[in-house]
Amino acid sequence: MSIIKICERDIINLFQITNQMIYAQDLTGDQDFYLENTKCILNQSEEEIREALNTYCDQNNCSLIEAASSLYVDQESRDLVKKEFFNLFKIGNCSLVIKIKPLDDKGRQRWIRVTFYIQTNKGVASKLLGLFEDVTEQKYEIISLEEATRRDLFTGLFNKTNAFKLINRKIETSLKSKKGAFAILDIDNFKHFNDFYGHDVGDLVLETVAKSLNSNISDTDIVGRFGGDEFIIFIENFENEEKLKKDLEKFLSYQVGMHEVKASIGISILNKDATTFNRLFKHADEALYVAKKSKEKIAFYDPNMR
């Protein structure tokens, strides 16, 4: 029976097939380092990376890990790298997922899994070995799954639970320096559309309203489906109530096929009417009740409206 010997080149070829980058650094003597298969991770050759790292170290009088972190690691992940690398020499190994700077060919943020191992000789650290694997696709799959749990499956808007959480966070920041407004939108006679024209038309009404809200609300604001035919909106900042009213009036009327659909909106103002989400919701709901009976179909909360 023959014994198959695996040489260093065989291992390197294996990593090239799996798009993984190898790093090895001598921790004794001149502390030289070795890189293999770099382009799959950093889009640069070994020579380009070596030159960049050495130049940065010379100019900033820093270590290789500090240079690599500054040149190739996204700002958001640098503290994690620093912490894990410090613990590495205590524990002997570590594995972490970090953001890196070079974007992928789709212009997206990239993530890599980094695994380090300290090799010792008679109890003394002699070599640092590292393996770098691109996990961008896996990361985006996780993000997509997480995002799906935050969304209403039918409309794609934030679901009730997450809309509440996000609005509460907005309220905390808006209390200090910004104006904030909370609104409840209710589709008028929605039951009629479902009962008289069928659920297909009712679904189309919901989709149309949701699409309009999603397309016309700022990225800094929050819009979600509260349930049934009700939607909630939090506007983080606005010029004045007159301008706010005008901006929200675009959500009062929709053309869905041959059907004209109307909606009503109740609004409460942060700091003026309430300082908590529960109170804002309560006052907006009271304003909605008044709006549904008015010609304008939109109303601001007023303590005297009860």
C-alpha atoms as a PDB file:
ATOM      1  CA  MET A   1       0.000   0.000   0.000  1.00  0.00           C
ATOM      2  CA  SER A   2       1.529   3.316  -1.096  1.00  0.00           C
ATOM      3  CA  ILE A   3       1.442   6.489   0.972  1.00  0.00           C
ATOM      4  CA  ILE A   4       0.242   9.581  -0.910  1.00  0.00           C
ATOM      5  CA  LYS A   5       2.338  12.618  -0.070  1.00  0.00           C
ATOM      6  CA  ILE A   6       0.734  16.012  -0.285  1.00  0.00           C
ATOM      7  CA  CYS A   7       3.156  18.798  -1.128  1.00  0.00           C
ATOM      8  CA  GLU A   8       2.823  22.505  -0.431  1.00  0.00           C
ATOM      9  CA  ARG A   9       1.895  23.216  -4.056  1.00  0.00           C
ATOM     10  CA  ASP A  10      -1.006  20.737  -3.870  1.00  0.00           C
ATOM     11  CA  ILE A  11      -2.435  22.637  -0.901  1.00  0.00           C
ATOM     12  CA  ILE A  12      -2.024  25.978  -2.671  1.00  0.00           C
ATOM     13  CA  ASN A  13      -3.798  24.630  -5.768  1.00  0.00           C
ATOM     14  CA  LEU A  14      -6.665  23.460  -3.565  1.00  0.00           C
ATOM     15  CA  PHE A  15      -7.093  26.942  -2.061  1.00  0.00           C
ATOM     16  CA  GLN A  16      -7.021  28.508  -5.537  1.00  0.00           C
ATOM     17  CA  ILE A  17      -9.901  26.294  -6.618  1.00  0.00           C
ATOM     18  CA  THR A  18     -11.944  27.299  -3.555  1.00  0.00           C
ATOM     19  CA  ASN A  19     -11.100  31.029  -3.920  1.00  0.00           C
ATOM     20  CA  GLN A  20      -9.326  31.320  -0.600  1.00  0.00           C
ATOM     21  CA  MET A  21      -6.297  33.456   0.195  1.00  0.00           C
ATOM     22  CA  ILE A  22      -3.372  32.197   2.286  1.00  0.00           C
ATOM     23  CA  TYR A  23      -1.242  34.315   4.597  1.00  0.00           C
ATOM     24  CA  ALA A  24       1.863  33.234   6.484  1.00  0.00           C
ATOM     25  CA  GLN A  25       4.187  35.408   8.556  1.00  0.00           C
ATOM     26  CA  ASP A  26       7.433  34.538  10.295  1.00  0.00           C
ATOM     27  CA  LEU A  27       7.216  35.811  13.880  1.00  0.00           C
ATOM     28  CA  THR A  28      10.959  35.406  14.428  1.00  0.00           C
ATOM     29  CA  GLY A  29      13.908  36.982  12.616  1.00  0.00           C
ATOM     30  CA  ASP A  30      12.919  39.534   9.943  1.00  0.00           C
ATOM     31  CA  GLN A  31       9.181  38.719  10.281  1.00  0.00           C
ATOM     32  CA  ASP A  32       8.754  38.387   6.512  1.00  0.00           C
ATOM     33  CA  PHE A  33       5.324  37.362   5.215  1.00  0.00           C
ATOM     34  CA  TYR A  34       3.950  35.251   2.381  1.00  0.00           C
ATOM     35  CA  LEU A  35       0.709  35.623   0.412  1.00  0.00           C
ATOM     36  CA  GLU A  36      -0.952  33.338  -2.118  1.00  0.00           C
ATOM     37  CA  ASN A  37      -4.083  33.645  -4.256  1.00  0.00           C
ATOM     38  CA  THR A  38      -4.622  37.311  -3.302  1.00  0.00           C
ATOM     39  CA  LYS A  39      -6.645  38.503  -6.288  1.00  0.00           C
ATOM     40  CA  CYS A  40      -9.739  36.506  -5.343  1.00  0.00           C
ATOM     41  CA  ILE A  41      -9.997  38.460  -2.091  1.00  0.00           C
ATOM     42  CA  LEU A  42      -8.241  41.824  -2.508  1.00  0.00           C
ATOM     43  CA  ASN A  43      -8.173  42.242  -6.312  1.00  0.00           C
ATOM     44  CA  GLN A  44      -4.412  42.829  -6.181  1.00  0.00           C
ATOM     45  CA  SER A  45      -1.341  40.703  -6.842  1.00  0.00           C
ATOM     46  CA  GLU A  46       0.975  39.621  -4.034  1.00  0.00           C
ATOM     47  CA  GLU A  47       3.576  42.109  -5.250  1.00  0.00           C
ATOM     48  CA  GLU A  48       1.094  45.007  -5.202  1.00  0.00           C
ATOM     49  CA  ILE A  49      -0.087  44.141  -1.691  1.00  0.00           C
ATOM     50  CA  ARG A  50       3.439  43.663  -0.385  1.00  0.00           C
ATOM     51  CA  GLU A  51       4.507  47.044  -1.771  1.00  0.00           C
ATOM     52  CA  ALA A  52       1.407  48.784  -0.369  1.00  0.00           C
ATOM     53  CA  LEU A  53       1.862  47.252   3.097  1.00  0.00           C
ATOM     54  CA  ASN A  54       5.591  47.966   3.314  1.00  0.00           C
ATOM     55  CA  THR A  55       5.114  51.545   2.119  1.00  0.00           C
ATOM     56  CA  TYR A  56       2.334  52.161   4.658  1.00  0.00           C
ATOM     57  CA  CYS A  57       4.405  50.651   7.491  1.00  0.00           C
ATOM     58  CA  ASP A  58       7.416  52.821   6.603  1.00  0.00           C
ATOM     59  CA  GLN A  59       5.339  56.001   6.310  1.00  0.00           C
ATOM     60  CA  ASN A  60       3.316  55.443   9.493  1.00  0.00           C
ATOM     61  CA  ASN A  61       5.804  53.479  11.618  1.00  0.00           C
ATOM     62  CA  CYS A  62       3.239  50.782  12.336  1.00  0.00           C
ATOM     63  CA  SER A  63       2.847  46.994  12.307  1.00  0.00           C
ATOM     64  CA  LEU A  64       1.735  44.891   9.343  1.00  0.00           C
ATOM     65  CA  ILE A  65      -1.666  44.207  10.923  1.00  0.00           C
ATOM     66  CA  GLU A  66      -2.253  47.945  11.454  1.00  0.00           C
ATOM     67  CA  ALA A  67      -1.277  48.636   7.851  1.00  0.00           C
ATOM     68  CA  ALA A  68      -3.506  45.861   6.510  1.00  0.00           C
ATOM     69  CA  SER A  69      -6.419  47.044   8.625  1.00  0.00           C
ATOM     70  CA  SER A  70      -6.079  50.638   7.403  1.00  0.00           C
ATOM     71  CA  LEU A  71      -5.628  49.720   3.739  1.00  0.00           C
ATOM     72  CA  TYR A  72      -8.087  46.864   3.287  1.00  0.00           C
ATOM     73  CA  VAL A  73     -10.559  46.689   6.187  1.00  0.00           C
ATOM     74  CA  ASP A  74     -13.752  48.753   6.254  1.00  0.00           C
ATOM     75  CA  GLN A  75     -13.860  51.299   9.077  1.00  0.00           C
ATOM     76  CA  GLU A  76     -16.795  49.487  10.687  1.00  0.00           C
ATOM     77  CA  SER A  77     -14.734  46.302  11.223  1.00  0.00           C
ATOM     78  CA  ARG A  78     -11.415  47.766  12.370  1.00  0.00           C
ATOM     79  CA  ASP A  79     -12.149  47.732  16.113  1.00  0.00           C
ATOM     80  CA  LEU A  80     -13.169  44.075  15.847  1.00  0.00           C
ATOM     81  CA  VAL A  81      -9.931  43.219  14.035  1.00  0.00           C
ATOM     82  CA  LYS A  82      -7.873  45.038  16.660  1.00  0.00           C
ATOM     83  CA  LYS A  83      -9.655  43.265  19.522  1.00  0.00           C
ATOM     84  CA  GLU A  84      -9.467  39.768  17.996  1.00  0.00           C
ATOM     85  CA  PHE A  85      -5.852  40.151  16.943  1.00  0.00           C
ATOM     86  CA  PHE A  86      -4.914  41.193  20.490  1.00  0.00           C
ATOM     87  CA  ASN A  87      -6.622  38.070  21.877  1.00  0.00           C
ATOM     88  CA  LEU A  88      -5.067  35.902  19.162  1.00  0.00           C
ATOM     89  CA  PHE A  89      -1.675  35.879  20.870  1.00  0.00           C
ATOM     90  CA  LYS A  90      -3.326  34.854  24.133  1.00  0.00           C
ATOM     91  CA  ILE A  91      -5.595  32.124  22.781  1.00  0.00           C
ATOM     92  CA  GLY A  92      -3.640  30.955  19.760  1.00  0.00           C
ATOM     93  CA  ASN A  93      -6.406  31.156  17.145  1.00  0.00           C
ATOM     94  CA  CYS A  94      -9.409  33.222  16.091  1.00  0.00           C
ATOM     95  CA  SER A  95     -12.061  33.396  13.385  1.00  0.00           C
ATOM     96  CA  LEU A  96     -14.103  36.459  12.460  1.00  0.00           C
ATOM     97  CA  VAL A  97     -16.200  37.890   9.627  1.00  0.00           C
ATOM     98  CA  ILE A  98     -15.275  41.416   8.560  1.00  0.00           C
ATOM     99  CA  LYS A  99     -16.131  43.997   5.923  1.00  0.00           C
ATOM    100  CA  ILE A 100     -13.388  44.825   3.465  1.00  0.00           C
ATOM    101  CA  LYS A 101     -12.895  47.866   1.238  1.00  0.00           C
ATOM    102  CA  PRO A 102     -12.722  46.572  -2.339  1.00  0.00           C
ATOM    103  CA  LEU A 103     -16.300  46.298  -3.622  1.00  0.00           C
ATOM    104  CA  ASP A 104     -17.355  43.337  -5.725  1.00  0.00           C
ATOM    105  CA  ASP A 105     -18.035  43.535  -9.480  1.00  0.00           C
ATOM    106  CA  LYS A 106     -21.641  44.516  -8.693  1.00  0.00           C
ATOM    107  CA  GLY A 107     -20.531  47.482  -6.595  1.00  0.00           C
ATOM    108  CA  ARG A 108     -21.644  45.794  -3.367  1.00  0.00           C
ATOM    109  CA  GLN A 109     -20.017  45.723   0.047  1.00  0.00           C
ATOM    110  CA  ARG A 110     -17.940  42.575   0.579  1.00  0.00           C
ATOM    111  CA  TRP A 111     -17.365  40.360   3.622  1.00  0.00           C
ATOM    112  CA  ILE A 112     -14.606  37.842   4.275  1.00  0.00           C
ATOM    113  CA  ARG A 113     -14.111  35.207   6.947  1.00  0.00           C
ATOM    114  CA  VAL A 114     -10.624  35.455   8.437  1.00  0.00           C
ATOM    115  CA  THR A 115      -9.112  32.549  10.378  1.00  0.00           C
ATOM    116  CA  PHE A 116      -5.753  32.980  12.131  1.00  0.00           C
ATOM    117  CA  TYR A 117      -3.616  30.372  13.865  1.00  0.00           C
ATOM    118  CA  ILE A 118      -0.393  30.824  15.861  1.00  0.00           C
ATOM    119  CA  GLN A 119       2.201  28.102  15.313  1.00  0.00           C
ATOM    120  CA  THR A 120       4.605  27.617  18.215  1.00  0.00           C
ATOM    121  CA  ASN A 121       8.061  26.154  18.582  1.00  0.00           C
ATOM    122  CA  LYS A 122       8.970  25.007  22.077  1.00  0.00           C
ATOM    123  CA  GLY A 123       6.244  27.182  23.529  1.00  0.00           C
ATOM    124  CA  VAL A 124       7.287  30.302  21.606  1.00  0.00           C
ATOM    125  CA  ALA A 125       5.149  31.821  18.825  1.00  0.00           C
ATOM    126  CA  SER A 126       7.046  31.250  15.599  1.00  0.00           C
ATOM    127  CA  LYS A 127       4.599  31.612  12.732  1.00  0.00           C
ATOM    128  CA  LEU A 128       1.256  33.298  12.047  1.00  0.00           C
ATOM    129  CA  LEU A 129      -0.959  31.459   9.571  1.00  0.00           C
ATOM    130  CA  GLY A 130      -4.080  32.971   8.046  1.00  0.00           C
ATOM    131  CA  LEU A 131      -6.880  31.854   5.744  1.00  0.00           C
ATOM    132  CA  PHE A 132      -9.189  34.363   4.018  1.00  0.00           C
ATOM    133  CA  GLU A 133     -12.482  33.269   2.465  1.00  0.00           C
ATOM    134  CA  ASP A 134     -14.999  35.426   0.612  1.00  0.00           C
ATOM    135  CA  VAL A 135     -18.403  34.979   2.295  1.00  0.00           C
ATOM    136  CA  THR A 136     -20.174  37.871   0.564  1.00  0.00           C
ATOM    137  CA  GLU A 137     -22.915  35.760  -1.030  1.00  0.00           C
ATOM    138  CA  GLN A 138     -23.635  33.927   2.234  1.00  0.00           C
ATOM    139  CA  LYS A 139     -23.791  37.260   4.057  1.00  0.00           C
ATOM    140  CA  TYR A 140     -26.273  38.719   1.576  1.00  0.00           C
ATOM    141  CA  GLU A 141     -28.430  35.595   1.884  1.00  0.00           C
ATOM    142  CA  ILE A 142     -28.538  36.115   5.662  1.00  0.00           C
ATOM    143  CA  ILE A 143     -29.329  39.817   5.215  1.00  0.00           C
ATOM    144  CA  SER A 144     -32.108  38.920   2.764  1.00  0.00           C
ATOM    145  CA  LEU A 145     -33.628  36.423   5.214  1.00  0.00           C
ATOM    146  CA  GLU A 146     -33.392  38.918   8.077  1.00  0.00           C
ATOM    147  CA  GLU A 147     -34.988  41.607   5.925  1.00  0.00           C
ATOM    148  CA  ALA A 148     -37.830  39.251   4.989  1.00  0.00           C
ATOM    149  CA  THR A 149     -38.739  38.786   8.660  1.00  0.00           C
ATOM    150  CA  ARG A 150     -38.964  42.571   9.041  1.00  0.00           C
ATOM    151  CA  ARG A 151     -41.338  43.055   6.125  1.00  0.00           C
ATOM    152  CA  ASP A 152     -45.024  42.572   5.537  1.00  0.00           C
ATOM    153  CA  LEU A 153     -45.104  39.672   3.082  1.00  0.00           C
ATOM    154  CA  PHE A 154     -47.923  41.092   0.991  1.00  0.00           C
ATOM    155  CA  THR A 155     -46.956  44.769   0.592  1.00  0.00           C
ATOM    156  CA  GLY A 156     -43.191  44.662   1.196  1.00  0.00           C
ATOM    157  CA  LEU A 157     -43.485  47.493   3.730  1.00  0.00           C
ATOM    158  CA  PHE A 158     -42.218  47.148   7.293  1.00  0.00           C
ATOM    159  CA  ASN A 159     -44.511  44.887   9.278  1.00  0.00           C
ATOM    160  CA  LYS A 160     -46.290  46.160  12.380  1.00  0.00           C
ATOM    161  CA  THR A 161     -43.714  44.918  14.902  1.00  0.00           C
ATOM    162  CA  ASN A 162     -40.679  46.344  13.145  1.00  0.00           C
ATOM    163  CA  ALA A 163     -42.380  49.578  12.155  1.00  0.00           C
ATOM    164  CA  PHE A 164     -43.128  50.142  15.861  1.00  0.00           C
ATOM    165  CA  LYS A 165     -39.495  49.459  16.797  1.00  0.00           C
ATOM    166  CA  LEU A 166     -38.095  51.745  14.110  1.00  0.00           C
ATOM    167  CA  ILE A 167     -40.505  54.561  14.916  1.00  0.00           C
ATOM    168  CA  ASN A 168     -39.630  54.352  18.607  1.00  0.00           C
ATOM    169  CA  ARG A 169     -35.960  54.771  17.687  1.00  0.00           C
ATOM    170  CA  LYS A 170     -36.801  57.741  15.478  1.00  0.00           C
ATOM    171  CA  ILE A 171     -38.763  59.317  18.302  1.00  0.00           C
ATOM    172  CA  GLU A 172     -35.771  59.023  20.635  1.00  0.00           C
ATOM    173  CA  THR A 173     -33.538  60.945  18.206  1.00  0.00           C
ATOM    174  CA  SER A 174     -36.203  63.386  17.016  1.00  0.00           C
ATOM    175  CA  LEU A 175     -37.101  64.424  20.571  1.00  0.00           C
ATOM    176  CA  LYS A 176     -33.713  66.082  20.925  1.00  0.00           C
ATOM    177  CA  SER A 177     -33.289  68.088  17.747  1.00  0.00           C
ATOM    178  CA  LYS A 178     -35.862  67.459  15.030  1.00  0.00           C
ATOM    179  CA  LYS A 179     -39.535  67.798  14.341  1.00  0.00           C
ATOM    180  CA  GLY A 180     -41.425  64.582  13.920  1.00  0.00           C
ATOM    181  CA  ALA A 181     -44.909  63.673  12.754  1.00  0.00           C
ATOM    182  CA  PHE A 182     -46.867  60.433  13.025  1.00  0.00           C
ATOM    183  CA  ALA A 183     -49.726  59.581  10.662  1.00  0.00           C
ATOM    184  CA  ILE A 184     -52.246  56.781  10.268  1.00  0.00           C
ATOM    185  CA  LEU A 185     -53.705  56.178   6.786  1.00  0.00           C
ATOM    186  CA  ASP A 186     -56.923  54.213   6.429  1.00  0.00           C
ATOM    187  CA  ILE A 187     -58.445  53.172   3.086  1.00  0.00           C
ATOM    188  CA  ASP A 188     -62.064  54.317   2.899  1.00  0.00           C
ATOM    189  CA  ASN A 189     -64.695  51.616   2.336  1.00  0.00           C
ATOM    190  CA  PHE A 190     -62.082  48.920   1.836  1.00  0.00           C
ATOM    191  CA  LYS A 191     -64.508  46.192   2.903  1.00  0.00           C
ATOM    192  CA  HIS A 192     -66.753  47.282   0.041  1.00  0.00           C
ATOM    193  CA  PHE A 193     -63.990  46.650  -2.524  1.00  0.00           C
ATOM    194  CA  ASN A 194     -63.358  43.190  -1.099  1.00  0.00           C
ATOM    195  CA  ASP A 195     -67.021  42.203  -0.800  1.00  0.00           C
ATOM    196  CA  PHE A 196     -68.387  43.769  -4.001  1.00  0.00           C
ATOM    197  CA  TYR A 197     -65.483  43.411  -6.462  1.00  0.00           C
ATOM    198  CA  GLY A 198     -63.647  40.459  -4.927  1.00  0.00           C
ATOM    199  CA  HIS A 199     -60.397  39.966  -3.057  1.00  0.00           C
ATOM    200  CA  ASP A 200     -58.317  40.348  -6.207  1.00  0.00           C
ATOM    201  CA  VAL A 201     -59.396  43.977  -6.477  1.00  0.00           C
ATOM    202  CA  GLY A 202     -58.939  44.458  -2.733  1.00  0.00           C
ATOM    203  CA  ASP A 203     -55.405  43.092  -2.972  1.00  0.00           C
ATOM    204  CA  LEU A 204     -54.675  45.414  -5.887  1.00  0.00           C
ATOM    205  CA  VAL A 205     -55.875  48.372  -3.816  1.00  0.00           C
ATOM    206  CA  LEU A 206     -53.490  47.456  -0.984  1.00  0.00           C
ATOM    207  CA  GLU A 207     -50.600  46.989  -3.420  1.00  0.00           C
ATOM    208  CA  THR A 208     -51.285  50.359  -5.067  1.00  0.00           C
ATOM    209  CA  VAL A 209     -51.393  52.244  -1.759  1.00  0.00           C
ATOM    210  CA  ALA A 210     -48.271  50.489  -0.466  1.00  0.00           C
ATOM    211  CA  LYS A 211     -46.344  51.219  -3.672  1.00  0.00           C
ATOM    212  CA  SER A 212     -47.342  54.887  -3.550  1.00  0.00           C
ATOM    213  CA  LEU A 213     -46.248  55.212   0.080  1.00  0.00           C
ATOM    214  CA  ASN A 214     -42.979  53.390  -0.497  1.00  0.00           C
ATOM    215  CA  SER A 215     -42.127  55.486  -3.567  1.00  0.00           C
ATOM    216  CA  ASN A 216     -42.940  58.875  -2.089  1.00  0.00           C
ATOM    217  CA  ILE A 217     -41.698  58.615   1.493  1.00  0.00           C
ATOM    218  CA  SER A 218     -38.129  59.733   2.201  1.00  0.00           C
ATOM    219  CA  ASP A 219     -35.484  57.132   3.053  1.00  0.00           C
ATOM    220  CA  THR A 220     -35.128  58.753   6.478  1.00  0.00           C
ATOM    221  CA  ASP A 221     -38.822  58.223   7.256  1.00  0.00           C
ATOM    222  CA  ILE A 222     -40.667  55.034   8.237  1.00  0.00           C
ATOM    223  CA  VAL A 223     -43.724  53.545   6.556  1.00  0.00           C
ATOM    224  CA  GLY A 224     -45.329  50.267   7.567  1.00  0.00           C
ATOM    225  CA  ARG A 225     -48.499  48.263   7.328  1.00  0.00           C
ATOM    226  CA  PHE A 226     -50.350  48.325  10.620  1.00  0.00           C
ATOM    227  CA  GLY A 227     -52.785  45.637   9.516  1.00  0.00           C
ATOM    228  CA  GLY A 228     -55.771  45.187   7.220  1.00  0.00           C
ATOM    229  CA  ASP A 229     -56.269  48.451   5.350  1.00  0.00           C
ATOM    230  CA  GLU A 230     -54.295  50.699   7.734  1.00  0.00           C
ATOM    231  CA  PHE A 231     -50.778  52.045   7.255  1.00  0.00           C
ATOM    232  CA  ILE A 232     -48.556  54.054   9.587  1.00  0.00           C
ATOM    233  CA  ILE A 233     -46.023  56.728   8.675  1.00  0.00           C
ATOM    234  CA  PHE A 234     -43.398  58.562  10.696  1.00  0.00           C
ATOM    235  CA  ILE A 235     -41.884  61.681   9.137  1.00  0.00           C
ATOM    236  CA  GLU A 236     -38.605  62.484  10.860  1.00  0.00           C
ATOM    237  CA  ASN A 237     -38.419  66.129   9.876  1.00  0.00           C
ATOM    238  CA  PHE A 238     -40.698  68.623   8.149  1.00  0.00           C
ATOM    239  CA  GLU A 239     -40.769  72.373   7.508  1.00  0.00           C
ATOM    240  CA  ASN A 240     -44.190  73.195   8.927  1.00  0.00           C
ATOM    241  CA  GLU A 241     -47.640  71.668   9.308  1.00  0.00           C
ATOM    242  CA  GLU A 242     -48.985  73.324   6.154  1.00  0.00           C
ATOM    243  CA  LYS A 243     -46.228  71.802   4.022  1.00  0.00           C
ATOM    244  CA  LEU A 244     -46.630  68.455   5.808  1.00  0.00           C
ATOM    245  CA  LYS A 245     -50.336  68.416   5.051  1.00  0.00           C
ATOM    246  CA  LYS A 246     -49.691  69.167   1.385  1.00  0.00           C
ATOM    247  CA  ASP A 247     -47.105  66.375   1.176  1.00  0.00           C
ATOM    248  CA  LEU A 248     -49.495  63.836   2.708  1.00  0.00           C
ATOM    249  CA  GLU A 249     -52.467  64.839   0.572  1.00  0.00           C
ATOM    250  CA  LYS A 250     -50.967  62.911  -2.347  1.00  0.00           C
ATOM    251  CA  PHE A 251     -51.897  59.727  -0.472  1.00  0.00           C
ATOM    252  CA  LEU A 252     -55.624  60.538  -0.253  1.00  0.00           C
ATOM    253  CA  SER A 253     -56.672  59.394  -3.734  1.00  0.00           C
ATOM    254  CA  TYR A 254     -55.739  56.481  -6.033  1.00  0.00           C
ATOM    255  CA  GLN A 255     -56.853  55.147  -9.382  1.00  0.00           C
ATOM    256  CA  VAL A 256     -56.948  51.344  -9.275  1.00  0.00           C
ATOM    257  CA  GLY A 257     -58.049  50.077 -12.662  1.00  0.00           C
ATOM    258  CA  MET A 258     -61.510  51.502 -13.192  1.00  0.00           C
ATOM    259  CA  HIS A 259     -61.960  52.225  -9.500  1.00  0.00           C
ATOM    260  CA  GLU A 260     -61.303  55.475  -7.676  1.00  0.00           C
ATOM    261  CA  VAL A 261     -60.044  54.772  -4.178  1.00  0.00           C
ATOM    262  CA  LYS A 262     -60.061  57.293  -1.341  1.00  0.00           C
ATOM    263  CA  ALA A 263     -58.175  57.298   1.950  1.00  0.00           C
ATOM    264  CA  SER A 264     -58.211  59.267   5.195  1.00  0.00           C
ATOM    265  CA  ILE A 265     -55.232  60.390   7.277  1.00  0.00           C
ATOM    266  CA  GLY A 266     -54.908  61.380  10.927  1.00  0.00           C
ATOM    267  CA  ILE A 267     -51.754  63.166  12.116  1.00  0.00           C
ATOM    268  CA  SER A 268     -50.162  63.884  15.488  1.00  0.00           C
ATOM    269  CA  ILE A 269     -47.037  65.987  16.052  1.00  0.00           C
ATOM    270  CA  LEU A 270     -44.091  64.920  18.198  1.00  0.00           C
ATOM    271  CA  ASN A 271     -43.416  67.232  21.186  1.00  0.00           C
ATOM    272  CA  LYS A 272     -46.519  69.304  20.421  1.00  0.00           C
ATOM    273  CA  ASP A 273     -49.108  66.543  20.909  1.00  0.00           C
ATOM    274  CA  ALA A 274     -47.081  63.794  22.615  1.00  0.00           C
ATOM    275  CA  THR A 275     -43.568  62.576  23.365  1.00  0.00           C
ATOM    276  CA  THR A 276     -44.137  58.804  23.271  1.00  0.00           C
ATOM    277  CA  PHE A 277     -45.156  56.436  20.510  1.00  0.00           C
ATOM    278  CA  ASN A 278     -48.292  55.201  22.308  1.00  0.00           C
ATOM    279  CA  ARG A 279     -49.604  58.733  22.810  1.00  0.00           C
ATOM    280  CA  LEU A 280     -48.739  59.765  19.250  1.00  0.00           C
ATOM    281  CA  PHE A 281     -50.600  56.724  17.950  1.00  0.00           C
ATOM    282  CA  LYS A 282     -53.622  57.412  20.146  1.00  0.00           C
ATOM    283  CA  HIS A 283     -53.838  61.058  19.052  1.00  0.00           C
ATOM    284  CA  ALA A 284     -53.320  60.225  15.368  1.00  0.00           C
ATOM    285  CA  ASP A 285     -56.111  57.652  15.631  1.00  0.00           C
ATOM    286  CA  GLU A 286     -58.401  60.279  17.146  1.00  0.00           C
ATOM    287  CA  ALA A 287     -57.483  62.649  14.306  1.00  0.00           C
ATOM    288  CA  LEU A 288     -58.200  59.873  11.791  1.00  0.00           C
ATOM    289  CA  TYR A 289     -61.716  59.468  13.196  1.00  0.00           C
ATOM    290  CA  VAL A 290     -62.349  63.163  12.544  1.00  0.00           C
ATOM    291  CA  ALA A 291     -60.693  63.027   9.098  1.00  0.00           C
ATOM    292  CA  LYS A 292     -62.977  60.204   7.915  1.00  0.00           C
ATOM    293  CA  LYS A 293     -66.015  62.385   8.602  1.00  0.00           C
ATOM    294  CA  SER A 294     -64.558  65.545   7.041  1.00  0.00           C
ATOM    295  CA  LYS A 295     -64.480  66.716   3.432  1.00  0.00           C
ATOM    296  CA  GLU A 296     -60.697  67.189   3.454  1.00  0.00           C
ATOM    297  CA  LYS A 297     -60.098  63.596   4.599  1.00  0.00           C
ATOM    298  CA  ILE A 298     -57.012  64.691   6.517  1.00  0.00           C
ATOM    299  CA  ALA A 299     -56.822  66.101  10.051  1.00  0.00           C
ATOM    300  CA  PHE A 300     -54.250  67.087  12.654  1.00  0.00           C
ATOM    301  CA  TYR A 301     -54.840  66.138  16.261  1.00  0.00           C
ATOM    302  CA  ASP A 302     -56.456  68.832  18.354  1.00  0.00           C
ATOM    303  CA  PRO A 303     -57.217  68.378  22.073  1.00  0.00           C
ATOM    304  CA  ASN A 304     -60.608  70.020  21.472  1.00  0.00           C
ATOM    305  CA  MET A 305     -61.672  67.527  18.802  1.00  0.00           C
ATOM    306  CA  ARG A 306     -62.829  64.924  21.338  1.00  0.00           C
END
